Amino acid sequence: MAKKLYFGGLAYGTTDESLQAAVASFGTVASAKVITDRETGRSRGFGFVEMSTDEEAQAVISGLDGKEIDGRVVRVSEARPQENGGGRNGGGRGDFGGDRRSSW
């Protein structure tokens, strides 16, 4: 089963292709994605890689966590599931928890 990994501290010049190339020696890369800013298209400094097996994913963590990719020391760990709510598209809209019904 595929295992998704989080890469933090990526250089702004790191691309999907260079990230994939950095992990390819550890096994079959199902996907590699550097997260970019919607407005500028610039890397946000982190990304995700999906390896085809748990063993390959563990090899990537052991082999690359704390090592340099594109001139930057990166952090590699197992990706956590995305939390619901928060962010730009959901949850916590800052209405101060009050009831929206009129109290008149």
C-alpha atoms as a PDB file:
ATOM      1  CA  MET A   1       0.000   0.000   0.000  1.00  0.00           C
ATOM      2  CA  ALA A   2       1.236   3.492  -0.837  1.00  0.00           C
ATOM      3  CA  LYS A   3       2.568   5.703   1.955  1.00  0.00           C
ATOM      4  CA  LYS A   4       2.543   9.506   1.800  1.00  0.00           C
ATOM      5  CA  LEU A   5       5.516  11.459   3.150  1.00  0.00           C
ATOM      6  CA  TYR A   6       5.834  15.118   4.139  1.00  0.00           C
ATOM      7  CA  PHE A   7       8.929  17.079   3.051  1.00  0.00           C
ATOM      8  CA  GLY A   8       9.529  20.358   4.900  1.00  0.00           C
ATOM      9  CA  GLY A   9      12.223  22.969   4.382  1.00  0.00           C
ATOM     10  CA  LEU A  10      12.385  22.557   0.603  1.00  0.00           C
ATOM     11  CA  ALA A  11      14.290  25.147  -1.429  1.00  0.00           C
ATOM     12  CA  TYR A  12      12.042  27.542  -3.336  1.00  0.00           C
ATOM     13  CA  GLY A  13      13.608  26.249  -6.557  1.00  0.00           C
ATOM     14  CA  THR A  14      12.629  22.625  -5.886  1.00  0.00           C
ATOM     15  CA  THR A  15      10.167  21.307  -8.458  1.00  0.00           C
ATOM     16  CA  ASP A  16       7.938  18.236  -8.565  1.00  0.00           C
ATOM     17  CA  GLU A  17      10.483  16.654 -10.915  1.00  0.00           C
ATOM     18  CA  SER A  18      13.557  17.397  -8.776  1.00  0.00           C
ATOM     19  CA  LEU A  19      11.779  16.141  -5.649  1.00  0.00           C
ATOM     20  CA  GLN A  20      10.847  12.935  -7.453  1.00  0.00           C
ATOM     21  CA  ALA A  21      14.450  12.526  -8.666  1.00  0.00           C
ATOM     22  CA  ALA A  22      15.739  12.950  -5.093  1.00  0.00           C
ATOM     23  CA  VAL A  23      13.669  10.006  -3.810  1.00  0.00           C
ATOM     24  CA  ALA A  24      13.668   7.737  -6.878  1.00  0.00           C
ATOM     25  CA  SER A  25      16.713   5.773  -5.709  1.00  0.00           C
ATOM     26  CA  PHE A  26      14.704   4.560  -2.685  1.00  0.00           C
ATOM     27  CA  GLY A  27      11.961   2.860  -4.720  1.00  0.00           C
ATOM     28  CA  THR A  28       8.900   3.461  -6.847  1.00  0.00           C
ATOM     29  CA  VAL A  29       7.562   7.009  -6.549  1.00  0.00           C
ATOM     30  CA  ALA A  30       3.787   7.055  -7.021  1.00  0.00           C
ATOM     31  CA  SER A  31       3.658  10.873  -6.911  1.00  0.00           C
ATOM     32  CA  ALA A  32       5.708  13.911  -5.922  1.00  0.00           C
ATOM     33  CA  LYS A  33       4.170  17.349  -5.431  1.00  0.00           C
ATOM     34  CA  VAL A  34       5.732  20.613  -4.248  1.00  0.00           C
ATOM     35  CA  ILE A  35       3.022  22.860  -2.816  1.00  0.00           C
ATOM     36  CA  THR A  36       2.905  26.292  -4.419  1.00  0.00           C
ATOM     37  CA  ASP A  37       1.251  29.578  -3.562  1.00  0.00           C
ATOM     38  CA  ARG A  38      -1.948  30.048  -5.586  1.00  0.00           C
ATOM     39  CA  GLU A  39      -1.303  33.705  -6.326  1.00  0.00           C
ATOM     40  CA  THR A  40       2.429  33.757  -7.061  1.00  0.00           C
ATOM     41  CA  GLY A  41       3.046  30.175  -8.171  1.00  0.00           C
ATOM     42  CA  ARG A  42       6.134  30.153  -5.929  1.00  0.00           C
ATOM     43  CA  SER A  43       6.969  27.128  -3.786  1.00  0.00           C
ATOM     44  CA  ARG A  44       5.718  27.314  -0.212  1.00  0.00           C
ATOM     45  CA  GLY A  45       8.738  25.314   0.965  1.00  0.00           C
ATOM     46  CA  PHE A  46       7.060  21.965   1.519  1.00  0.00           C
ATOM     47  CA  GLY A  47       5.693  19.071  -0.450  1.00  0.00           C
ATOM     48  CA  PHE A  48       4.515  15.484  -0.445  1.00  0.00           C
ATOM     49  CA  VAL A  49       5.829  12.264  -1.931  1.00  0.00           C
ATOM     50  CA  GLU A  50       3.893   9.030  -2.172  1.00  0.00           C
ATOM     51  CA  MET A  51       5.959   5.840  -2.233  1.00  0.00           C
ATOM     52  CA  SER A  52       4.505   2.548  -3.406  1.00  0.00           C
ATOM     53  CA  THR A  53       5.271   0.575  -0.219  1.00  0.00           C
ATOM     54  CA  ASP A  54       5.694   1.256   3.494  1.00  0.00           C
ATOM     55  CA  GLU A  55       9.238  -0.154   3.343  1.00  0.00           C
ATOM     56  CA  GLU A  56      10.260   2.263   0.600  1.00  0.00           C
ATOM     57  CA  ALA A  57       8.716   5.147   2.528  1.00  0.00           C
ATOM     58  CA  GLN A  58      10.683   4.217   5.637  1.00  0.00           C
ATOM     59  CA  ALA A  59      13.863   4.042   3.540  1.00  0.00           C
ATOM     60  CA  VAL A  60      13.208   7.597   2.288  1.00  0.00           C
ATOM     61  CA  ILE A  61      12.697   8.871   5.840  1.00  0.00           C
ATOM     62  CA  SER A  62      15.887   7.177   7.043  1.00  0.00           C
ATOM     63  CA  GLY A  63      17.880   8.258   4.007  1.00  0.00           C
ATOM     64  CA  LEU A  64      16.789  11.878   3.545  1.00  0.00           C
ATOM     65  CA  ASP A  65      15.559  13.323   6.854  1.00  0.00           C
ATOM     66  CA  GLY A  66      18.123  15.950   7.862  1.00  0.00           C
ATOM     67  CA  LYS A  67      19.911  15.750   4.497  1.00  0.00           C
ATOM     68  CA  GLU A  68      20.265  18.329   1.722  1.00  0.00           C
ATOM     69  CA  ILE A  69      18.029  18.518  -1.335  1.00  0.00           C
ATOM     70  CA  ASP A  70      18.707  21.414  -3.728  1.00  0.00           C
ATOM     71  CA  GLY A  71      20.983  23.062  -1.159  1.00  0.00           C
ATOM     72  CA  ARG A  72      18.554  22.994   1.781  1.00  0.00           C
ATOM     73  CA  VAL A  73      18.381  20.616   4.740  1.00  0.00           C
ATOM     74  CA  VAL A  74      14.942  18.996   4.640  1.00  0.00           C
ATOM     75  CA  ARG A  75      12.697  17.336   7.192  1.00  0.00           C
ATOM     76  CA  VAL A  76      11.007  14.133   6.096  1.00  0.00           C
ATOM     77  CA  SER A  77       8.250  12.385   8.025  1.00  0.00           C
ATOM     78  CA  GLU A  78       5.123  10.375   7.494  1.00  0.00           C
ATOM     79  CA  ALA A  79       2.348  12.721   6.359  1.00  0.00           C
ATOM     80  CA  ARG A  80      -0.536  13.204   8.754  1.00  0.00           C
ATOM     81  CA  PRO A  81      -4.122  13.153   7.471  1.00  0.00           C
ATOM     82  CA  GLN A  82      -5.470  16.577   6.549  1.00  0.00           C
ATOM     83  CA  GLU A  83      -7.609  18.058   9.298  1.00  0.00           C
ATOM     84  CA  ASN A  84     -11.124  19.240   8.473  1.00  0.00           C
ATOM     85  CA  GLY A  85     -11.958  22.883   8.895  1.00  0.00           C
ATOM     86  CA  GLY A  86      -9.648  25.850   9.227  1.00  0.00           C
ATOM     87  CA  GLY A  87      -7.737  27.281   6.326  1.00  0.00           C
ATOM     88  CA  ARG A  88      -9.259  29.301   3.527  1.00  0.00           C
ATOM     89  CA  ASN A  89     -12.047  26.953   2.536  1.00  0.00           C
ATOM     90  CA  GLY A  90     -13.758  25.872   5.700  1.00  0.00           C
ATOM     91  CA  GLY A  91     -14.331  26.013   9.398  1.00  0.00           C
ATOM     92  CA  GLY A  92     -13.659  28.879  11.803  1.00  0.00           C
ATOM     93  CA  ARG A  93     -14.974  31.945  10.055  1.00  0.00           C
ATOM     94  CA  GLY A  94     -14.462  34.227  13.033  1.00  0.00           C
ATOM     95  CA  ASP A  95     -18.107  34.961  13.879  1.00  0.00           C
ATOM     96  CA  PHE A  96     -17.182  34.977  17.592  1.00  0.00           C
ATOM     97  CA  GLY A  97     -19.371  31.970  18.306  1.00  0.00           C
ATOM     98  CA  GLY A  98     -22.542  33.982  18.646  1.00  0.00           C
ATOM     99  CA  ASP A  99     -25.944  32.908  17.452  1.00  0.00           C
ATOM    100  CA  ARG A 100     -26.751  34.540  14.101  1.00  0.00           C
ATOM    101  CA  ARG A 101     -30.465  34.799  14.884  1.00  0.00           C
ATOM    102  CA  SER A 102     -31.716  38.212  15.809  1.00  0.00           C
ATOM    103  CA  SER A 103     -32.360  38.721  19.504  1.00  0.00           C
ATOM    104  CA  TRP A 104     -34.822  41.593  18.952  1.00  0.00           C
END
